[in-house]
Amino acid sequence: MINMVNMTIAVPGELKKLIDAHPEINWSEVARQAWWQKARELELLNKLTKTSKASDKDVLDLAKLIKKGMAEWHNEQVSRS
């Protein structure tokens, strides 16, 4: 059996209202899955950057290219709708 611990988080009042409007959702599970996903992404990022020879500037340049590409893709999707 997995040892589970309780955590308390603070959320804005508006988010709390939205959550409360959907009692059929297991919000603890939603949060747990989101935390797992983020933790796995960070773990992968750590592995990738551990041996990287890229400079900070290289990383920022790549991030800008990715953001630009994502924005273009999003704009295409919106224009198709």
PDB file of N, CA and C in Angstrom:
ATOM      1  N   MET A   1       0.850  -1.185   0.000  1.00  0.00           N
ATOM      2  CA  MET A   1       0.000   0.000   0.000  1.00  0.00           C
ATOM      3  C   MET A   1       0.889   1.240   0.000  1.00  0.00           C
ATOM      4  N   ILE A   2       0.496   2.220  -0.791  1.00  0.00           N
ATOM      5  CA  ILE A   2       1.250   3.462  -0.888  1.00  0.00           C
ATOM      6  C   ILE A   2       0.954   4.322   0.330  1.00  0.00           C
ATOM      7  N   ASN A   3       2.002   4.873   0.913  1.00  0.00           N
ATOM      8  CA  ASN A   3       1.841   5.769   2.047  1.00  0.00           C
ATOM      9  C   ASN A   3       1.385   7.127   1.531  1.00  0.00           C
ATOM     10  N   MET A   4       0.177   7.512   1.865  1.00  0.00           N
ATOM     11  CA  MET A   4      -0.377   8.790   1.413  1.00  0.00           C
ATOM     12  C   MET A   4      -0.291   9.797   2.545  1.00  0.00           C
ATOM     13  N   VAL A   5       0.035  11.038   2.172  1.00  0.00           N
ATOM     14  CA  VAL A   5       0.065  12.136   3.140  1.00  0.00           C
ATOM     15  C   VAL A   5      -0.952  13.182   2.696  1.00  0.00           C
ATOM     16  N   ASN A   6      -1.411  13.966   3.621  1.00  0.00           N
ATOM     17  CA  ASN A   6      -2.343  15.045   3.303  1.00  0.00           C
ATOM     18  C   ASN A   6      -1.579  16.335   3.096  1.00  0.00           C
ATOM     19  N   MET A   7      -2.053  17.130   2.137  1.00  0.00           N
ATOM     20  CA  MET A   7      -1.477  18.439   1.869  1.00  0.00           C
ATOM     21  C   MET A   7      -2.615  19.451   1.859  1.00  0.00           C
ATOM     22  N   THR A   8      -2.321  20.630   2.319  1.00  0.00           N
ATOM     23  CA  THR A   8      -3.288  21.719   2.272  1.00  0.00           C
ATOM     24  C   THR A   8      -2.766  22.763   1.309  1.00  0.00           C
ATOM     25  N   ILE A   9      -3.623  23.211   0.394  1.00  0.00           N
ATOM     26  CA  ILE A   9      -3.211  24.226  -0.570  1.00  0.00           C
ATOM     27  C   ILE A   9      -4.159  25.426  -0.487  1.00  0.00           C
ATOM     28  N   ALA A  10      -3.670  26.562  -0.933  1.00  0.00           N
ATOM     29  CA  ALA A  10      -4.488  27.770  -1.002  1.00  0.00           C
ATOM     30  C   ALA A  10      -4.860  28.012  -2.462  1.00  0.00           C
ATOM     31  N   VAL A  11      -6.124  28.299  -2.703  1.00  0.00           N
ATOM     32  CA  VAL A  11      -6.594  28.610  -4.055  1.00  0.00           C
ATOM     33  C   VAL A  11      -7.416  29.895  -3.994  1.00  0.00           C
ATOM     34  N   PRO A  12      -7.458  30.629  -5.101  1.00  0.00           N
ATOM     35  CA  PRO A  12      -8.295  31.839  -5.125  1.00  0.00           C
ATOM     36  C   PRO A  12      -9.763  31.491  -4.925  1.00  0.00           C
ATOM     37  N   GLY A  13     -10.510  32.425  -4.369  1.00  0.00           N
ATOM     38  CA  GLY A  13     -11.931  32.212  -4.109  1.00  0.00           C
ATOM     39  C   GLY A  13     -12.716  31.841  -5.349  1.00  0.00           C
ATOM     40  N   GLU A  14     -12.374  32.444  -6.488  1.00  0.00           N
ATOM     41  CA  GLU A  14     -13.085  32.154  -7.732  1.00  0.00           C
ATOM     42  C   GLU A  14     -12.898  30.694  -8.143  1.00  0.00           C
ATOM     43  N   LEU A  15     -11.670  30.175  -7.974  1.00  0.00           N
ATOM     44  CA  LEU A  15     -11.414  28.773  -8.287  1.00  0.00           C
ATOM     45  C   LEU A  15     -12.191  27.870  -7.341  1.00  0.00           C
ATOM     46  N   LYS A  16     -12.240  28.226  -6.073  1.00  0.00           N
ATOM     47  CA  LYS A  16     -12.975  27.425  -5.086  1.00  0.00           C
ATOM     48  C   LYS A  16     -14.450  27.330  -5.461  1.00  0.00           C
ATOM     49  N   LYS A  17     -15.019  28.432  -5.961  1.00  0.00           N
ATOM     50  CA  LYS A  17     -16.422  28.408  -6.382  1.00  0.00           C
ATOM     51  C   LYS A  17     -16.633  27.454  -7.552  1.00  0.00           C
ATOM     52  N   LEU A  18     -15.706  27.486  -8.512  1.00  0.00           N
ATOM     53  CA  LEU A  18     -15.810  26.575  -9.659  1.00  0.00           C
ATOM     54  C   LEU A  18     -15.688  25.123  -9.227  1.00  0.00           C
ATOM     55  N   ILE A  19     -14.769  24.859  -8.320  1.00  0.00           N
ATOM     56  CA  ILE A  19     -14.589  23.499  -7.797  1.00  0.00           C
ATOM     57  C   ILE A  19     -15.839  23.042  -7.065  1.00  0.00           C
ATOM     58  N   ASP A  20     -16.353  23.902  -6.219  1.00  0.00           N
ATOM     59  CA  ASP A  20     -17.542  23.549  -5.441  1.00  0.00           C
ATOM     60  C   ASP A  20     -18.762  23.310  -6.331  1.00  0.00           C
ATOM     61  N   ALA A  21     -18.763  23.908  -7.524  1.00  0.00           N
ATOM     62  CA  ALA A  21     -19.896  23.734  -8.439  1.00  0.00           C
ATOM     63  C   ALA A  21     -19.904  22.350  -9.089  1.00  0.00           C
ATOM     64  N   HIS A  22     -18.819  21.588  -8.876  1.00  0.00           N
ATOM     65  CA  HIS A  22     -18.719  20.250  -9.473  1.00  0.00           C
ATOM     66  C   HIS A  22     -18.308  19.215  -8.425  1.00  0.00           C
ATOM     67  N   PRO A  23     -19.237  18.901  -7.518  1.00  0.00           N
ATOM     68  CA  PRO A  23     -18.916  17.926  -6.467  1.00  0.00           C
ATOM     69  C   PRO A  23     -18.737  16.505  -6.990  1.00  0.00           C
ATOM     70  N   GLU A  24     -19.155  16.257  -8.233  1.00  0.00           N
ATOM     71  CA  GLU A  24     -19.002  14.920  -8.808  1.00  0.00           C
ATOM     72  C   GLU A  24     -17.552  14.611  -9.175  1.00  0.00           C
ATOM     73  N   ILE A  25     -16.712  15.625  -9.203  1.00  0.00           N
ATOM     74  CA  ILE A  25     -15.301  15.460  -9.565  1.00  0.00           C
ATOM     75  C   ILE A  25     -14.477  15.172  -8.308  1.00  0.00           C
ATOM     76  N   ASN A  26     -13.593  14.196  -8.411  1.00  0.00           N
ATOM     77  CA  ASN A  26     -12.662  13.896  -7.325  1.00  0.00           C
ATOM     78  C   ASN A  26     -11.460  14.846  -7.482  1.00  0.00           C
ATOM     79  N   TRP A  27     -11.559  16.010  -6.872  1.00  0.00           N
ATOM     80  CA  TRP A  27     -10.547  17.056  -7.058  1.00  0.00           C
ATOM     81  C   TRP A  27      -9.198  16.657  -6.496  1.00  0.00           C
ATOM     82  N   SER A  28      -9.177  15.823  -5.481  1.00  0.00           N
ATOM     83  CA  SER A  28      -7.895  15.335  -4.965  1.00  0.00           C
ATOM     84  C   SER A  28      -7.165  14.531  -6.031  1.00  0.00           C
ATOM     85  N   GLU A  29      -7.906  13.723  -6.772  1.00  0.00           N
ATOM     86  CA  GLU A  29      -7.301  12.923  -7.838  1.00  0.00           C
ATOM     87  C   GLU A  29      -6.839  13.810  -8.992  1.00  0.00           C
ATOM     88  N   VAL A  30      -7.621  14.831  -9.309  1.00  0.00           N
ATOM     89  CA  VAL A  30      -7.229  15.771 -10.363  1.00  0.00           C
ATOM     90  C   VAL A  30      -5.901  16.434  -9.990  1.00  0.00           C
ATOM     91  N   ALA A  31      -5.811  16.897  -8.753  1.00  0.00           N
ATOM     92  CA  ALA A  31      -4.574  17.540  -8.291  1.00  0.00           C
ATOM     93  C   ALA A  31      -3.414  16.549  -8.269  1.00  0.00           C
ATOM     94  N   ARG A  32      -3.668  15.343  -7.800  1.00  0.00           N
ATOM     95  CA  ARG A  32      -2.623  14.314  -7.726  1.00  0.00           C
ATOM     96  C   ARG A  32      -2.063  14.017  -9.120  1.00  0.00           C
ATOM     97  N   GLN A  33      -2.947  13.860 -10.093  1.00  0.00           N
ATOM     98  CA  GLN A  33      -2.500  13.584 -11.466  1.00  0.00           C
ATOM     99  C   GLN A  33      -1.715  14.761 -12.034  1.00  0.00           C
ATOM    100  N   ALA A  34      -2.160  15.974 -11.779  1.00  0.00           N
ATOM    101  CA  ALA A  34      -1.451  17.162 -12.276  1.00  0.00           C
ATOM    102  C   ALA A  34      -0.063  17.252 -11.648  1.00  0.00           C
ATOM    103  N   TRP A  35       0.033  16.971 -10.357  1.00  0.00           N
ATOM    104  CA  TRP A  35       1.345  17.022  -9.682  1.00  0.00           C
ATOM    105  C   TRP A  35       2.271  15.938 -10.218  1.00  0.00           C
ATOM    106  N   TRP A  36       1.736  14.747 -10.443  1.00  0.00           N
ATOM    107  CA  TRP A  36       2.557  13.676 -11.015  1.00  0.00           C
ATOM    108  C   TRP A  36       3.079  14.076 -12.391  1.00  0.00           C
ATOM    109  N   GLN A  37       2.190  14.607 -13.213  1.00  0.00           N
ATOM    110  CA  GLN A  37       2.599  15.004 -14.564  1.00  0.00           C
ATOM    111  C   GLN A  37       3.695  16.063 -14.508  1.00  0.00           C
ATOM    112  N   LYS A  38       3.509  17.078 -13.683  1.00  0.00           N
ATOM    113  CA  LYS A  38       4.508  18.146 -13.572  1.00  0.00           C
ATOM    114  C   LYS A  38       5.820  17.599 -13.022  1.00  0.00           C
ATOM    115  N   ALA A  39       5.757  16.739 -12.034  1.00  0.00           N
ATOM    116  CA  ALA A  39       6.967  16.157 -11.444  1.00  0.00           C
ATOM    117  C   ALA A  39       7.724  15.323 -12.479  1.00  0.00           C
ATOM    118  N   ARG A  40       6.992  14.557 -13.291  1.00  0.00           N
ATOM    119  CA  ARG A  40       7.639  13.762 -14.347  1.00  0.00           C
ATOM    120  C   ARG A  40       8.281  14.659 -15.403  1.00  0.00           C
ATOM    121  N   GLU A  41       7.596  15.752 -15.757  1.00  0.00           N
ATOM    122  CA  GLU A  41       8.169  16.701 -16.718  1.00  0.00           C
ATOM    123  C   GLU A  41       9.468  17.303 -16.168  1.00  0.00           C
ATOM    124  N   LEU A  42       9.456  17.669 -14.900  1.00  0.00           N
ATOM    125  CA  LEU A  42      10.651  18.239 -14.283  1.00  0.00           C
ATOM    126  C   LEU A  42      11.776  17.216 -14.203  1.00  0.00           C
ATOM    127  N   GLU A  43      11.423  15.976 -13.915  1.00  0.00           N
ATOM    128  CA  GLU A  43      12.422  14.908 -13.865  1.00  0.00           C
ATOM    129  C   GLU A  43      13.072  14.716 -15.237  1.00  0.00           C
ATOM    130  N   LEU A  44      12.253  14.706 -16.283  1.00  0.00           N
ATOM    131  CA  LEU A  44      12.769  14.580 -17.641  1.00  0.00           C
ATOM    132  C   LEU A  44      13.639  15.782 -17.993  1.00  0.00           C
ATOM    133  N   LEU A  45      13.181  16.972 -17.644  1.00  0.00           N
ATOM    134  CA  LEU A  45      13.962  18.181 -17.915  1.00  0.00           C
ATOM    135  C   LEU A  45      15.315  18.114 -17.217  1.00  0.00           C
ATOM    136  N   ASN A  46      15.329  17.649 -15.992  1.00  0.00           N
ATOM    137  CA  ASN A  46      16.597  17.509 -15.256  1.00  0.00           C
ATOM    138  C   ASN A  46      17.527  16.532 -15.957  1.00  0.00           C
ATOM    139  N   LYS A  47      16.980  15.413 -16.436  1.00  0.00           N
ATOM    140  CA  LYS A  47      17.810  14.435 -17.139  1.00  0.00           C
ATOM    141  C   LYS A  47      18.378  15.013 -18.428  1.00  0.00           C
ATOM    142  N   LEU A  48      17.543  15.760 -19.154  1.00  0.00           N
ATOM    143  CA  LEU A  48      17.980  16.330 -20.424  1.00  0.00           C
ATOM    144  C   LEU A  48      19.032  17.415 -20.235  1.00  0.00           C
ATOM    145  N   THR A  49      18.884  18.199 -19.201  1.00  0.00           N
ATOM    146  CA  THR A  49      19.808  19.319 -19.003  1.00  0.00           C
ATOM    147  C   THR A  49      21.062  18.922 -18.236  1.00  0.00           C
ATOM    148  N   LYS A  50      21.037  17.779 -17.613  1.00  0.00           N
ATOM    149  CA  LYS A  50      22.182  17.349 -16.809  1.00  0.00           C
ATOM    150  C   LYS A  50      23.455  17.263 -17.652  1.00  0.00           C
ATOM    151  N   THR A  51      23.331  16.760 -18.862  1.00  0.00           N
ATOM    152  CA  THR A  51      24.499  16.585 -19.713  1.00  0.00           C
ATOM    153  C   THR A  51      24.519  17.573 -20.878  1.00  0.00           C
ATOM    154  N   SER A  52      23.616  18.550 -20.852  1.00  0.00           N
ATOM    155  CA  SER A  52      23.513  19.502 -21.949  1.00  0.00           C
ATOM    156  C   SER A  52      24.701  20.461 -21.959  1.00  0.00           C
ATOM    157  N   LYS A  53      25.133  20.796 -23.152  1.00  0.00           N
ATOM    158  CA  LYS A  53      26.198  21.772 -23.320  1.00  0.00           C
ATOM    159  C   LYS A  53      25.631  23.109 -23.802  1.00  0.00           C
ATOM    160  N   ALA A  54      24.312  23.215 -23.832  1.00  0.00           N
ATOM    161  CA  ALA A  54      23.657  24.436 -24.290  1.00  0.00           C
ATOM    162  C   ALA A  54      23.851  25.554 -23.265  1.00  0.00           C
ATOM    163  N   SER A  55      24.079  26.746 -23.776  1.00  0.00           N
ATOM    164  CA  SER A  55      24.215  27.915 -22.902  1.00  0.00           C
ATOM    165  C   SER A  55      22.828  28.427 -22.530  1.00  0.00           C
ATOM    166  N   ASP A  56      22.777  29.320 -21.563  1.00  0.00           N
ATOM    167  CA  ASP A  56      21.496  29.920 -21.186  1.00  0.00           C
ATOM    168  C   ASP A  56      20.870  30.630 -22.382  1.00  0.00           C
ATOM    169  N   LYS A  57      21.691  31.303 -23.176  1.00  0.00           N
ATOM    170  CA  LYS A  57      21.188  31.995 -24.374  1.00  0.00           C
ATOM    171  C   LYS A  57      20.597  30.985 -25.359  1.00  0.00           C
ATOM    172  N   ASP A  58      21.267  29.848 -25.541  1.00  0.00           N
ATOM    173  CA  ASP A  58      20.745  28.809 -26.431  1.00  0.00           C
ATOM    174  C   ASP A  58      19.358  28.354 -25.980  1.00  0.00           C
ATOM    175  N   VAL A  59      19.215  28.157 -24.696  1.00  0.00           N
ATOM    176  CA  VAL A  59      17.940  27.688 -24.141  1.00  0.00           C
ATOM    177  C   VAL A  59      16.854  28.744 -24.350  1.00  0.00           C
ATOM    178  N   LEU A  60      17.184  30.024 -24.095  1.00  0.00           N
ATOM    179  CA  LEU A  60      16.206  31.093 -24.294  1.00  0.00           C
ATOM    180  C   LEU A  60      15.812  31.223 -25.762  1.00  0.00           C
ATOM    181  N   ASP A  61      16.790  31.105 -26.662  1.00  0.00           N
ATOM    182  CA  ASP A  61      16.491  31.170 -28.090  1.00  0.00           C
ATOM    183  C   ASP A  61      15.568  30.030 -28.507  1.00  0.00           C
ATOM    184  N   LEU A  62      15.845  28.838 -28.016  1.00  0.00           N
ATOM    185  CA  LEU A  62      15.003  27.685 -28.336  1.00  0.00           C
ATOM    186  C   LEU A  62      13.592  27.869 -27.770  1.00  0.00           C
ATOM    187  N   ALA A  63      13.499  28.386 -26.560  1.00  0.00           N
ATOM    188  CA  ALA A  63      12.189  28.620 -25.946  1.00  0.00           C
ATOM    189  C   ALA A  63      11.377  29.610 -26.776  1.00  0.00           C
ATOM    190  N   LYS A  64      12.031  30.653 -27.289  1.00  0.00           N
ATOM    191  CA  LYS A  64      11.330  31.629 -28.123  1.00  0.00           C
ATOM    192  C   LYS A  64      10.813  30.980 -29.405  1.00  0.00           C
ATOM    193  N   LEU A  65      11.640  30.126 -30.018  1.00  0.00           N
ATOM    194  CA  LEU A  65      11.206  29.425 -31.228  1.00  0.00           C
ATOM    195  C   LEU A  65      10.007  28.521 -30.959  1.00  0.00           C
ATOM    196  N   ILE A  66      10.054  27.834 -29.846  1.00  0.00           N
ATOM    197  CA  ILE A  66       8.949  26.935 -29.490  1.00  0.00           C
ATOM    198  C   ILE A  66       7.677  27.731 -29.256  1.00  0.00           C
ATOM    199  N   LYS A  67       7.786  28.832 -28.505  1.00  0.00           N
ATOM    200  CA  LYS A  67       6.607  29.663 -28.233  1.00  0.00           C
ATOM    201  C   LYS A  67       6.034  30.234 -29.524  1.00  0.00           C
ATOM    202  N   LYS A  68       6.918  30.668 -30.408  1.00  0.00           N
ATOM    203  CA  LYS A  68       6.468  31.212 -31.690  1.00  0.00           C
ATOM    204  C   LYS A  68       5.728  30.140 -32.489  1.00  0.00           C
ATOM    205  N   GLY A  69       6.302  28.946 -32.538  1.00  0.00           N
ATOM    206  CA  GLY A  69       5.661  27.848 -33.250  1.00  0.00           C
ATOM    207  C   GLY A  69       4.322  27.475 -32.658  1.00  0.00           C
ATOM    208  N   MET A  70       4.245  27.466 -31.340  1.00  0.00           N
ATOM    209  CA  MET A  70       2.980  27.135 -30.678  1.00  0.00           C
ATOM    210  C   MET A  70       1.933  28.208 -30.962  1.00  0.00           C
ATOM    211  N   ALA A  71       2.345  29.472 -30.955  1.00  0.00           N
ATOM    212  CA  ALA A  71       1.414  30.564 -31.238  1.00  0.00           C
ATOM    213  C   ALA A  71       0.892  30.464 -32.674  1.00  0.00           C
ATOM    214  N   GLU A  72       1.790  30.161 -33.616  1.00  0.00           N
ATOM    215  CA  GLU A  72       1.375  30.015 -35.010  1.00  0.00           C
ATOM    216  C   GLU A  72       0.405  28.845 -35.168  1.00  0.00           C
ATOM    217  N   TRP A  73       0.708  27.726 -34.520  1.00  0.00           N
ATOM    218  CA  TRP A  73      -0.181  26.560 -34.588  1.00  0.00           C
ATOM    219  C   TRP A  73      -1.554  26.915 -34.020  1.00  0.00           C
ATOM    220  N   HIS A  74      -1.565  27.593 -32.870  1.00  0.00           N
ATOM    221  CA  HIS A  74      -2.822  27.972 -32.225  1.00  0.00           C
ATOM    222  C   HIS A  74      -3.627  28.904 -33.138  1.00  0.00           C
ATOM    223  N   ASN A  75      -2.956  29.880 -33.735  1.00  0.00           N
ATOM    224  CA  ASN A  75      -3.647  30.813 -34.634  1.00  0.00           C
ATOM    225  C   ASN A  75      -4.250  30.080 -35.831  1.00  0.00           C
ATOM    226  N   GLU A  76      -3.541  29.083 -36.361  1.00  0.00           N
ATOM    227  CA  GLU A  76      -4.074  28.285 -37.463  1.00  0.00           C
ATOM    228  C   GLU A  76      -5.328  27.523 -37.039  1.00  0.00           C
ATOM    229  N   GLN A  77      -5.276  26.956 -35.833  1.00  0.00           N
ATOM    230  CA  GLN A  77      -6.430  26.205 -35.335  1.00  0.00           C
ATOM    231  C   GLN A  77      -7.632  27.117 -35.154  1.00  0.00           C
ATOM    232  N   VAL A  78      -7.397  28.318 -34.644  1.00  0.00           N
ATOM    233  CA  VAL A  78      -8.491  29.262 -34.415  1.00  0.00           C
ATOM    234  C   VAL A  78      -9.078  29.719 -35.747  1.00  0.00           C
ATOM    235  N   SER A  79      -8.204  29.970 -36.721  1.00  0.00           N
ATOM    236  CA  SER A  79      -8.701  30.447 -38.016  1.00  0.00           C
ATOM    237  C   SER A  79      -9.472  29.360 -38.762  1.00  0.00           C
ATOM    238  N   ARG A  80      -9.215  28.098 -38.465  1.00  0.00           N
ATOM    239  CA  ARG A  80      -9.950  26.990 -39.098  1.00  0.00           C
ATOM    240  C   ARG A  80     -11.347  26.832 -38.509  1.00  0.00           C
ATOM    241  N   SER A  81     -11.522  27.321 -37.287  1.00  0.00           N
ATOM    242  CA  SER A  81     -12.813  27.141 -36.590  1.00  0.00           C
ATOM    243  C   SER A  81     -13.902  28.004 -37.177  1.00  0.00           C
TER     244      SER A  81
END
